[in-house]
Amino acid sequence: MRFFFRSKQFKIILATVLAFLTIGVVCIILGGKISPHADLFSTISAPFRTAFTRISAGVEDFIANFAEGEEARLQNAELETEIASLREQLVDLEKAKKENEFYKNYLEIKDSHPDFKFAPATLISKDEKDPFKGFTVNAGSVDGIEPRDPVITEKGLVGYISEVGLTTSKVTTVLDPDITLGALDNRTSDSGVLYGSFENAKLGLTGLYNLSRSCNIAVGDFIVTSGEGIFPEGLLIGTVKSIGSEKYNTSIFAAIEPFCDFDSIRDVMIITNFEGQGGLDPNS
């Protein structure tokens, strides 16, 4: 609108309007002073008076419309501000709802392990070249995250923090051979050492090794952390998928299917503190 008022067309229109207004005013003034019998003057001035009246009405309409348009513009701006505010409130509400659902899934774990301290994190990138499904989360040292902190979902153990940055951290999963941890059969208490391999990882599995041939482990049993090493006791790992004999010794092994679906992970919990934390690192 401001560019129109500066244009040549507007200046021509303004000059024309002013000219008609001037003539109209003169005609009205002279029309009041000249004798009523001066028909000639009345005849000549009539078109100008009519034009003046129309122009005056037009100017009034233009001003009124402009004022109404300006008021409408201000109202629209206020409405847009209100809509933006409502959208922000809706986003905050959805975020709070998701957070409540997220934390609710961990209440059972928290009830079983009141000594646990959690830090929530969200996956921000995956290493597509990593056959062991490692990924990066949006929590780092500023959030109290440290190397070797266990990482879980509400379904079970994911792995641990292998690298820590200021605001991000890398997670290594239980499919990776770099992780070794004590684990046991939740039903029979038969214990072994859990670690991954490339062959198992291709199948989405990890392995429980060094099991005694006299153990009573069975397909379908739940495997949990034993509490030896850097992981707390009792974290769910997965179920026994199959059982076999090791080639070079008398022990047997079990293929374990993790409860956690590494392809669909989004939100995780990092256990930043628990009773007995700082025990022997099996990888050291």
Protein backbone atom coordinates (compact mmCIF):
# COMPACT_ATOMS: atom_id res chain seq x y z
CA MET A 1 0.00 0.00 0.00
CA ARG A 2 2.79 2.48 0.86
CA PHE A 3 4.25 2.08 -2.65
CA PHE A 4 0.92 3.06 -4.24
CA PHE A 5 0.89 6.39 -2.35
CA ARG A 6 4.32 7.16 -3.85
CA SER A 7 3.36 6.24 -7.42
CA LYS A 8 2.77 8.57 -10.35
CA GLN A 9 -0.81 7.31 -10.77
CA PHE A 10 -1.68 8.29 -7.21
CA LYS A 11 -0.24 11.80 -7.73
CA ILE A 12 -2.38 12.27 -10.87
CA ILE A 13 -5.49 11.07 -9.06
CA LEU A 14 -4.71 13.33 -6.11
CA ALA A 15 -4.20 16.37 -8.38
CA THR A 16 -7.50 15.68 -10.16
CA VAL A 17 -9.37 15.29 -6.89
CA LEU A 18 -7.90 18.52 -5.54
CA ALA A 19 -8.84 20.33 -8.73
CA PHE A 20 -12.44 19.15 -8.52
CA LEU A 21 -12.56 19.97 -4.84
CA THR A 22 -11.26 23.49 -5.49
CA ILE A 23 -13.76 24.10 -8.29
CA GLY A 24 -16.55 22.63 -6.19
CA VAL A 25 -15.74 24.81 -3.20
CA VAL A 26 -15.55 27.93 -5.40
CA CYS A 27 -18.84 27.06 -7.01
CA ILE A 28 -20.53 26.56 -3.67
CA ILE A 29 -19.15 29.83 -2.31
CA LEU A 30 -20.04 31.84 -5.42
CA GLY A 31 -23.35 30.06 -5.70
CA GLY A 32 -24.26 31.41 -2.27
CA LYS A 33 -23.30 35.02 -3.17
CA ILE A 34 -24.74 35.31 -6.70
CA SER A 35 -28.35 36.11 -7.11
CA PRO A 36 -30.71 33.16 -7.29
CA HIS A 37 -31.80 34.50 -10.70
CA ALA A 38 -28.37 33.82 -12.14
CA ASP A 39 -29.51 30.67 -13.92
CA LEU A 40 -26.54 30.67 -16.23
CA PHE A 41 -24.11 30.39 -13.39
CA SER A 42 -26.20 27.72 -11.69
CA THR A 43 -26.33 25.74 -14.91
CA ILE A 44 -22.58 25.98 -15.38
CA SER A 45 -21.73 25.19 -11.78
CA ALA A 46 -24.21 22.33 -11.38
CA PRO A 47 -21.95 19.63 -12.86
CA PHE A 48 -19.09 20.76 -10.66
CA ARG A 49 -21.24 20.70 -7.55
CA THR A 50 -22.44 17.22 -8.45
CA ALA A 51 -18.90 16.08 -9.11
CA PHE A 52 -17.75 17.64 -5.85
CA THR A 53 -20.48 15.83 -3.95
CA ARG A 54 -19.58 12.51 -5.56
CA ILE A 55 -15.87 13.01 -4.98
CA SER A 56 -16.50 13.96 -1.37
CA ALA A 57 -18.60 10.85 -0.90
CA GLY A 58 -15.95 8.78 -2.64
CA VAL A 59 -13.19 10.18 -0.43
CA GLU A 60 -15.28 9.50 2.66
CA ASP A 61 -15.91 5.94 1.47
CA PHE A 62 -12.22 5.48 0.70
CA ILE A 63 -11.23 6.70 4.17
CA ALA A 64 -13.89 4.56 5.81
CA ASN A 65 -12.84 1.48 3.80
CA PHE A 66 -9.19 2.16 4.56
CA ALA A 67 -9.96 2.49 8.27
CA GLU A 68 -12.01 -0.71 8.21
CA GLY A 69 -9.23 -2.48 6.30
CA GLU A 70 -6.64 -1.30 8.78
CA GLU A 71 -8.82 -2.45 11.66
CA ALA A 72 -9.33 -5.82 9.98
CA ARG A 73 -5.58 -6.09 9.42
CA LEU A 74 -4.94 -5.44 13.10
CA GLN A 75 -7.61 -7.96 14.07
CA ASN A 76 -6.06 -10.54 11.73
CA ALA A 77 -2.66 -9.90 13.26
CA GLU A 78 -4.11 -10.42 16.74
CA LEU A 79 -5.84 -13.62 15.62
CA GLU A 80 -2.62 -14.93 14.07
CA THR A 81 -0.81 -14.23 17.32
CA GLU A 82 -3.49 -16.08 19.29
CA ILE A 83 -3.37 -19.02 16.85
CA ALA A 84 0.43 -19.19 17.15
CA SER A 85 0.11 -19.17 20.94
CA LEU A 86 -2.50 -21.95 20.85
CA ARG A 87 -0.26 -24.00 18.56
CA GLU A 88 2.63 -23.63 21.00
CA GLN A 89 0.37 -24.71 23.86
CA LEU A 90 -0.77 -27.73 21.83
CA VAL A 91 2.85 -28.71 21.07
CA ASP A 92 3.73 -28.37 24.77
CA LEU A 93 0.68 -30.46 25.70
CA GLU A 94 1.61 -33.21 23.25
CA LYS A 95 5.19 -33.14 24.48
CA ALA A 96 4.07 -33.43 28.11
CA LYS A 97 1.71 -36.28 27.18
CA LYS A 98 4.49 -38.20 25.45
CA GLU A 99 6.88 -37.58 28.34
CA ASN A 100 4.29 -38.84 30.83
CA GLU A 101 3.75 -41.99 28.76
CA PHE A 102 7.51 -42.39 28.39
CA TYR A 103 8.18 -42.15 32.14
CA LYS A 104 5.17 -44.33 32.97
CA ASN A 105 6.81 -47.19 31.09
CA TYR A 106 9.75 -47.04 33.49
CA LEU A 107 7.75 -46.95 36.73
CA GLU A 108 7.96 -50.72 37.14
CA ILE A 109 11.73 -50.65 36.67
CA LYS A 110 11.99 -47.75 39.11
CA ASP A 111 9.84 -49.57 41.65
CA SER A 112 12.08 -52.65 41.39
CA HIS A 113 15.25 -50.58 41.51
CA PRO A 114 14.64 -47.45 43.64
CA ASP A 115 18.39 -46.74 43.62
CA PHE A 116 18.38 -46.10 39.85
CA LYS A 117 18.79 -42.55 38.59
CA PHE A 118 17.66 -42.00 35.01
CA ALA A 119 18.51 -39.51 32.27
CA PRO A 120 16.16 -39.57 29.25
CA ALA A 121 17.59 -39.36 25.74
CA THR A 122 16.38 -39.58 22.16
CA LEU A 123 18.06 -41.18 19.18
CA ILE A 124 19.30 -38.52 16.74
CA SER A 125 21.34 -40.58 14.28
CA LYS A 126 22.20 -44.15 13.34
CA ASP A 127 25.44 -45.50 11.97
CA GLU A 128 24.09 -47.35 8.94
CA LYS A 129 27.49 -49.01 8.42
CA ASP A 130 27.52 -50.47 11.94
CA PRO A 131 26.35 -54.11 11.76
CA PHE A 132 25.73 -54.01 15.52
CA LYS A 133 23.07 -51.24 15.37
CA GLY A 134 24.98 -48.55 17.28
CA PHE A 135 23.47 -45.05 17.41
CA THR A 136 23.85 -41.54 18.84
CA VAL A 137 21.57 -39.85 21.38
CA ASN A 138 21.00 -36.22 22.33
CA ALA A 139 22.46 -36.38 25.86
CA GLY A 140 26.05 -35.86 26.91
CA SER A 141 28.33 -34.80 29.71
CA VAL A 142 26.24 -31.69 30.44
CA ASP A 143 23.41 -34.08 31.31
CA GLY A 144 25.57 -36.11 33.68
CA ILE A 145 26.25 -38.90 31.17
CA GLU A 146 29.47 -40.86 31.57
CA PRO A 147 31.15 -43.70 29.62
CA ARG A 148 29.87 -47.19 30.49
CA ASP A 149 26.49 -45.91 31.72
CA PRO A 150 23.87 -48.60 30.96
CA VAL A 151 21.21 -47.76 28.36
CA ILE A 152 17.74 -49.32 28.47
CA THR A 153 14.23 -49.03 27.06
CA GLU A 154 11.06 -50.10 28.87
CA LYS A 155 11.47 -53.46 27.12
CA GLY A 156 15.00 -54.23 28.23
CA LEU A 157 18.73 -53.63 28.00
CA VAL A 158 20.05 -51.80 24.94
CA GLY A 159 23.75 -51.54 25.73
CA TYR A 160 25.96 -48.86 27.21
CA ILE A 161 27.43 -45.43 26.51
CA SER A 162 30.71 -45.95 24.67
CA GLU A 163 31.57 -42.33 23.79
CA VAL A 164 30.50 -39.10 25.48
CA GLY A 165 30.47 -35.61 24.02
CA LEU A 166 29.22 -32.37 25.51
CA THR A 167 25.62 -32.77 24.30
CA THR A 168 25.62 -36.15 22.54
CA SER A 169 26.72 -39.71 23.26
CA LYS A 170 27.27 -42.89 21.28
CA VAL A 171 25.48 -46.07 22.31
CA THR A 172 27.01 -49.50 21.73
CA THR A 173 24.42 -52.29 21.77
CA VAL A 174 24.47 -55.78 23.26
CA LEU A 175 24.84 -57.14 19.72
CA ASP A 176 28.38 -55.78 19.67
CA PRO A 177 31.37 -58.01 20.61
CA ASP A 178 32.81 -55.01 22.47
CA ILE A 179 30.24 -55.58 25.21
CA THR A 180 30.69 -58.54 27.56
CA LEU A 181 28.56 -58.90 30.66
CA GLY A 182 27.51 -61.42 33.23
CA ALA A 183 24.02 -62.80 32.57
CA LEU A 184 21.84 -65.58 33.92
CA ASP A 185 18.66 -67.52 33.26
CA ASN A 186 15.90 -65.88 35.26
CA ARG A 187 14.18 -69.25 35.82
CA THR A 188 17.12 -71.53 36.64
CA SER A 189 19.82 -69.02 37.68
CA ASP A 190 22.27 -70.75 35.31
CA SER A 191 24.90 -68.12 34.54
CA GLY A 192 27.22 -67.34 31.66
CA VAL A 193 28.92 -64.53 29.79
CA LEU A 194 26.97 -62.60 27.18
CA TYR A 195 28.62 -61.00 24.15
CA GLY A 196 27.88 -60.47 20.49
CA SER A 197 29.32 -61.64 17.22
CA PHE A 198 29.02 -60.62 13.60
CA GLU A 199 27.23 -63.85 12.68
CA ASN A 200 24.66 -63.47 15.44
CA ALA A 201 24.20 -59.75 14.79
CA LYS A 202 23.14 -60.47 11.20
CA LEU A 203 20.26 -62.45 12.71
CA GLY A 204 19.48 -59.81 15.34
CA LEU A 205 20.83 -62.07 18.10
CA THR A 206 23.53 -62.07 20.75
CA GLY A 207 25.02 -65.06 22.61
CA LEU A 208 25.25 -66.41 26.14
CA TYR A 209 28.43 -68.50 26.49
CA ASN A 210 30.31 -70.59 29.08
CA LEU A 211 27.16 -72.33 30.25
CA SER A 212 27.70 -75.59 32.14
CA ARG A 213 26.61 -78.76 30.39
CA SER A 214 24.63 -79.58 33.48
CA CYS A 215 22.58 -76.40 33.27
CA ASN A 216 18.79 -76.51 32.89
CA ILE A 217 18.45 -73.58 30.51
CA ALA A 218 15.64 -73.96 27.96
CA VAL A 219 14.36 -72.25 24.86
CA GLY A 220 11.99 -69.42 25.83
CA ASP A 221 13.68 -68.67 29.16
CA PHE A 222 14.29 -65.02 30.08
CA ILE A 223 17.91 -63.87 30.36
CA VAL A 224 18.77 -61.01 32.73
CA THR A 225 21.91 -59.22 33.89
CA SER A 226 23.63 -60.89 36.84
CA GLY A 227 25.01 -57.67 38.34
CA GLU A 228 28.63 -58.59 37.62
CA GLY A 229 30.57 -55.79 35.96
CA ILE A 230 29.18 -52.43 34.92
CA PHE A 231 25.52 -53.41 34.64
CA PRO A 232 23.12 -53.56 37.58
CA GLU A 233 21.40 -56.79 38.48
CA GLY A 234 18.07 -57.85 37.04
CA LEU A 235 17.85 -55.94 33.76
CA LEU A 236 15.94 -57.87 31.11
CA ILE A 237 18.08 -58.79 28.10
CA GLY A 238 16.09 -61.24 25.98
CA THR A 239 14.83 -64.77 25.51
CA VAL A 240 16.64 -67.99 24.66
CA LYS A 241 16.18 -68.64 20.95
CA SER A 242 18.28 -71.81 20.61
CA ILE A 243 20.90 -73.87 22.47
CA GLY A 244 24.07 -75.44 21.12
CA SER A 245 27.44 -76.92 22.05
CA GLU A 246 30.68 -75.00 21.72
CA LYS A 247 33.28 -76.57 19.44
CA TYR A 248 36.43 -76.17 21.46
CA ASN A 249 35.32 -76.86 25.06
CA THR A 250 32.76 -78.77 27.05
CA SER A 251 30.42 -75.83 27.67
CA ILE A 252 27.28 -74.95 25.77
CA PHE A 253 25.92 -71.65 24.51
CA ALA A 254 22.52 -70.09 23.92
CA ALA A 255 21.49 -67.71 21.16
CA ILE A 256 19.61 -64.80 22.77
CA GLU A 257 16.99 -62.68 21.04
CA PRO A 258 16.99 -59.24 22.75
CA PHE A 259 13.69 -57.84 23.94
CA CYS A 260 14.73 -54.50 22.48
CA ASP A 261 13.98 -53.89 18.79
CA PHE A 262 17.08 -52.00 17.69
CA ASP A 263 15.56 -50.97 14.37
CA SER A 264 12.68 -49.08 15.98
CA ILE A 265 14.42 -47.45 18.95
CA ARG A 266 13.57 -43.80 19.47
CA ASP A 267 13.62 -42.95 23.18
CA VAL A 268 15.92 -44.52 25.77
CA MET A 269 16.82 -44.15 29.41
CA ILE A 270 20.40 -43.90 30.56
CA ILE A 271 21.06 -45.20 34.06
CA THR A 272 23.44 -42.59 35.44
CA ASN A 273 23.64 -44.00 38.95
CA PHE A 274 22.78 -47.22 40.77
CA GLU A 275 23.84 -49.06 43.87
CA GLY A 276 27.15 -50.84 43.27
CA GLN A 277 28.00 -48.78 40.19
CA GLY A 278 31.70 -48.69 39.41
CA GLY A 279 32.27 -52.44 39.65
CA LEU A 280 34.75 -54.34 37.56
CA ASP A 281 34.51 -53.61 33.83
CA PRO A 282 34.55 -56.95 31.98
CA ASN A 283 36.23 -55.26 29.03
CA SER A 284 39.15 -53.85 31.01
